[in-house]
Every structure is written in C-alpha cells, then in structure tokens.
C-alpha cells in the first residue's frame, strides 16, 4: 500500500480526479476526514506547506506539492513528475510605476518565501533586508514597510487591485509528484507503476 500526501483544496481534488481516471472508481474524502483508505492507497489531506515534510520523513511514500514550496523548503525528496497543474510564478511586485533598481545600497523585501528571495538576490550580489510576512503581503510597499514584495502570482489581479505590478519573474511553478527516497527504493515497483499511469494521463490531458 502506498501512502499519498495531498494538499488541501483544488490540487487534492485534481489529483484524485487523475486517480479516478486511472482506476475507474471514485476517490473522495468523507466530510472533514483527513484520511482516505482504498484498496491500494492511503491518502492524507495536509496543508500544502506540510506535504514535503510528510514525504521527507516517510509518513507518506509519495505526495503532490508546488515546485515553489519544494524550492523554498529545500527538503531532500525525489522529484518524479511535473503534473502541469497549479501553474503560477514567483515574482517581484512593486508599486505601479516604480522600477527595480538593484544598485541601491539595501532593498527591503517583504515575503513569505524567504529562501527563494534570499537566493535570488544573493545570485545578483544585492544586499536585501528580508521581512517575513504570513499574509496580506501586498500591503507592505503601500505603507512603507518594504520596497517590494516577492509572492506567488497566478493572474496578477491581486497585485493590480492593490496598486502593485509585477516587475520581474523569479521562477515558474507548478505541482510536482514527489517521493520519499527510501520508499522509492523499498517500493520502487509500486511507485514507478503509479508514476507511469499518472504520466500517461498528464501527457494525454
């Protein structure tokens, strides 16, 4: 039996639809339940930020998580497949009309993606003061807390509505199928079998 960690919300729903397509039977969590057991799988419903941790620590054999989260957390897991779902970008946003000036002595950046932000500016040898926020990040440049933000952008509407605009993309992200390194060895046949089936659905989807 494979244990599969899924992030709550749309991605879990879309992943279970792929399983339904493959196996021709229904995969759905009962109301408020966090575990779904079927003949060959046990699905766990967890927070998006926790998926890679469950997989890394082998509480789950495989999981589905955004590339941005993987890059931010840097956990050592096997990246099996880009599922091409939940496509978005990690981007820098500034007040409308402002330009990104990397020559300033220090830039203040508000974000919840501290590691991605740090790496990006380090590669450009730019000194930044990173301010970690957990939500309503768009507010930071508007009230002078930061010069810019680094955030997930799907359509850019949230930024626009708050008087900000994307000035530079840092990375593209989509959801990935990942596996625990030990599980990948111990349950290789099972994992490769489901990987191939999912890959075929994604390819033909």
Protein backbone atom coordinates (compact mmCIF):
# COMPACT_ATOMS: atom_id res chain seq x y z
CA UNK A 1 0.00 0.00 0.00
CA UNK A 2 1.25 3.47 -0.87
CA UNK A 3 0.59 6.46 1.37
CA UNK A 4 -0.03 9.65 -0.61
CA UNK A 5 0.12 13.15 0.91
CA UNK A 6 -2.12 15.69 -0.82
CA UNK A 7 -2.50 19.42 -0.17
CA UNK A 8 -5.99 20.51 0.85
CA UNK A 9 -8.09 22.26 -1.78
CA UNK A 10 -8.03 22.31 -5.56
CA UNK A 11 -4.81 20.31 -6.02
CA UNK A 12 -6.14 17.40 -3.92
CA UNK A 13 -9.35 17.39 -5.95
CA UNK A 14 -7.47 17.44 -9.27
CA UNK A 15 -5.08 14.69 -8.16
CA UNK A 16 -7.93 12.44 -7.00
CA UNK A 17 -9.61 13.00 -10.39
CA UNK A 18 -6.43 11.64 -12.04
CA UNK A 19 -6.64 8.55 -9.79
CA UNK A 20 -10.32 8.15 -10.71
CA UNK A 21 -9.37 8.30 -14.38
CA UNK A 22 -6.65 5.66 -13.91
CA UNK A 23 -8.61 3.20 -11.76
CA UNK A 24 -12.17 3.89 -12.89
CA UNK A 25 -13.51 4.15 -9.34
CA UNK A 26 -14.34 7.03 -7.05
CA UNK A 27 -11.74 8.65 -4.79
CA UNK A 28 -13.28 11.16 -2.38
CA UNK A 29 -12.69 12.16 1.23
CA UNK A 30 -15.68 11.91 3.56
CA UNK A 31 -16.74 15.16 5.17
CA UNK A 32 -13.92 16.62 7.33
CA UNK A 33 -11.95 13.36 7.28
CA UNK A 34 -8.18 13.67 6.75
CA UNK A 35 -7.51 10.05 5.73
CA UNK A 36 -8.97 8.19 2.77
CA UNK A 37 -8.20 4.47 2.57
CA UNK A 38 -8.71 2.46 -0.62
CA UNK A 39 -7.52 -0.99 -1.59
CA UNK A 40 -4.02 0.09 -2.67
CA UNK A 41 -3.66 3.61 -1.30
CA UNK A 42 -3.95 5.66 1.83
CA UNK A 43 -4.43 9.36 1.08
CA UNK A 44 -3.60 12.01 3.68
CA UNK A 45 -5.03 15.51 3.46
CA UNK A 46 -2.47 18.00 4.81
CA UNK A 47 -1.53 21.65 4.45
CA UNK A 48 0.35 22.49 1.26
CA UNK A 49 3.42 23.57 3.27
CA UNK A 50 3.47 20.20 5.08
CA UNK A 51 3.31 17.81 2.10
CA UNK A 52 7.08 17.67 1.51
CA UNK A 53 7.71 17.18 5.26
CA UNK A 54 5.36 14.16 5.37
CA UNK A 55 7.15 12.69 2.35
CA UNK A 56 10.66 13.59 3.52
CA UNK A 57 10.06 11.95 6.90
CA UNK A 58 8.38 8.94 5.29
CA UNK A 59 4.97 9.46 6.87
CA UNK A 60 3.95 9.36 3.20
CA UNK A 61 5.61 7.49 0.32
CA UNK A 62 4.63 9.99 -2.36
CA UNK A 63 2.99 13.39 -2.45
CA UNK A 64 1.85 16.26 -4.63
CA UNK A 65 3.23 19.74 -3.96
CA UNK A 66 4.09 23.01 -5.70
CA UNK A 67 7.63 23.49 -7.02
CA UNK A 68 7.78 26.85 -5.22
CA UNK A 69 7.21 25.08 -1.89
CA UNK A 70 9.88 22.48 -2.72
CA UNK A 71 12.38 25.18 -3.63
CA UNK A 72 11.57 27.18 -0.52
CA UNK A 73 11.85 24.24 1.89
CA UNK A 74 14.82 22.53 0.20
CA UNK A 75 13.92 19.08 1.54
CA UNK A 76 15.67 16.08 0.00
CA UNK A 77 12.94 14.21 -1.89
CA UNK A 78 12.73 12.58 -5.33
CA UNK A 79 11.03 14.82 -7.90
CA UNK A 80 9.22 12.36 -10.15
CA UNK A 81 6.96 14.34 -12.44
CA UNK A 82 5.70 17.81 -13.31
CA UNK A 83 1.90 17.45 -13.21
CA UNK A 84 1.40 20.76 -15.06
CA UNK A 85 -1.34 21.80 -12.64
CA UNK A 86 -1.49 24.90 -10.44
CA UNK A 87 0.78 26.79 -12.81
CA UNK A 88 1.93 30.12 -11.39
CA UNK A 89 5.01 32.30 -10.98
CA UNK A 90 7.04 33.59 -8.07
CA UNK A 91 7.52 37.25 -8.92
CA UNK A 92 8.69 40.59 -7.59
CA UNK A 93 5.95 43.20 -7.20
CA UNK A 94 6.38 46.94 -6.70
CA UNK A 95 4.15 50.00 -6.56
CA UNK A 96 2.82 50.81 -10.01
CA UNK A 97 5.29 52.92 -11.97
CA UNK A 98 8.29 52.04 -9.79
CA UNK A 99 11.32 50.33 -11.33
CA UNK A 100 13.52 47.63 -9.83
CA UNK A 101 16.87 49.24 -9.01
CA UNK A 102 19.43 46.64 -7.93
CA UNK A 103 22.13 49.28 -7.34
CA UNK A 104 20.51 50.64 -4.17
CA UNK A 105 22.63 50.03 -1.03
CA UNK A 106 19.88 47.95 0.55
CA UNK A 107 16.44 46.84 -0.54
CA UNK A 108 13.63 45.89 1.81
CA UNK A 109 11.67 42.90 0.57
CA UNK A 110 8.50 41.53 2.18
CA UNK A 111 7.72 37.86 1.51
CA UNK A 112 6.75 34.53 2.97
CA UNK A 113 9.28 32.86 0.64
CA UNK A 114 12.44 33.79 2.48
CA UNK A 115 14.83 31.23 0.96
CA UNK A 116 13.80 31.74 -2.67
CA UNK A 117 14.10 35.51 -2.17
CA UNK A 118 17.48 35.24 -0.45
CA UNK A 119 18.89 33.03 -3.22
CA UNK A 120 17.61 35.29 -5.98
CA UNK A 121 19.22 38.43 -4.60
CA UNK A 122 22.41 36.65 -3.49
CA UNK A 123 22.94 35.45 -7.07
CA UNK A 124 22.80 39.10 -8.11
CA UNK A 125 25.10 40.19 -5.25
CA UNK A 126 22.42 42.54 -3.93
CA UNK A 127 22.05 43.24 -0.22
CA UNK A 128 18.46 42.82 0.96
CA UNK A 129 16.61 43.15 4.22
CA UNK A 130 14.01 40.36 4.07
CA UNK A 131 10.87 40.91 6.10
CA UNK A 132 8.93 37.68 6.64
CA UNK A 133 5.16 38.11 6.49
CA UNK A 134 2.46 35.44 6.59
CA UNK A 135 -0.30 37.15 4.64
CA UNK A 136 -1.60 40.38 3.05
CA UNK A 137 1.90 40.87 1.64
CA UNK A 138 0.65 43.43 -0.92
CA UNK A 139 0.18 45.88 1.92
CA UNK A 140 3.90 46.14 2.72
CA UNK A 141 5.02 48.52 -0.10
CA UNK A 142 1.86 50.60 0.29
CA UNK A 143 2.61 51.50 3.91
CA UNK A 144 6.40 51.83 3.55
CA UNK A 145 7.26 48.57 5.31
CA UNK A 146 9.10 47.32 2.20
CA UNK A 147 10.29 48.49 -1.22
CA UNK A 148 8.88 45.42 -2.90
CA UNK A 149 7.31 42.02 -2.35
CA UNK A 150 8.10 38.52 -3.58
CA UNK A 151 4.93 36.47 -3.93
CA UNK A 152 3.04 33.85 -5.93
CA UNK A 153 1.30 35.30 -8.97
CA UNK A 154 -1.33 33.44 -10.95
CA UNK A 155 -3.06 36.19 -12.91
CA UNK A 156 -1.59 39.31 -11.29
CA UNK A 157 -5.08 40.55 -10.39
CA UNK A 158 -4.44 40.74 -6.64
CA UNK A 159 -1.35 42.88 -7.19
CA UNK A 160 -3.17 45.18 -9.65
CA UNK A 161 -6.11 45.62 -7.28
CA UNK A 162 -3.66 46.78 -4.63
CA UNK A 163 -1.79 49.25 -6.85
CA UNK A 164 1.21 46.96 -7.46
CA UNK A 165 2.61 45.40 -10.61
CA UNK A 166 5.00 42.58 -11.46
CA UNK A 167 8.45 43.97 -12.28
CA UNK A 168 10.32 40.69 -12.60
CA UNK A 169 9.64 36.94 -12.57
CA UNK A 170 11.84 34.81 -10.31
CA UNK A 171 10.62 31.32 -11.22
CA UNK A 172 7.76 29.36 -12.72
CA UNK A 173 5.98 26.86 -10.54
CA UNK A 174 3.53 24.00 -10.97
CA UNK A 175 2.64 20.94 -8.94
CA UNK A 176 5.05 18.01 -8.77
CA UNK A 177 4.71 14.36 -7.88
CA UNK A 178 7.43 13.63 -5.32
CA UNK A 179 8.61 10.50 -3.48
CA UNK A 180 10.47 9.67 -0.31
CA UNK A 181 14.00 8.44 -1.11
CA UNK A 182 13.75 5.26 0.99
CA UNK A 183 10.23 4.46 -0.22
CA UNK A 184 11.47 4.92 -3.77
CA UNK A 185 13.92 2.07 -3.18
CA UNK A 186 11.73 -0.15 -0.97
CA UNK A 187 8.52 0.26 -3.01
CA UNK A 188 10.06 1.03 -6.37
CA UNK A 189 7.69 -1.14 -8.45
CA UNK A 190 4.56 0.32 -6.86
CA UNK A 191 5.83 3.89 -7.14
CA UNK A 192 7.00 3.52 -10.75
CA UNK A 193 3.71 1.86 -11.69
CA UNK A 194 1.62 4.78 -10.39
CA UNK A 195 4.14 7.28 -11.76
CA UNK A 196 3.80 5.82 -15.28
CA UNK A 197 0.00 5.80 -15.10
CA UNK A 198 -0.11 9.41 -13.88
CA UNK A 199 2.46 10.44 -16.51
CA UNK A 200 0.26 8.98 -19.27
CA UNK A 201 -2.80 10.88 -18.01
CA UNK A 202 -0.83 14.14 -17.78
CA UNK A 203 0.69 13.63 -21.24
CA UNK A 204 -2.69 12.98 -22.84
CA UNK A 205 -4.54 15.54 -20.74
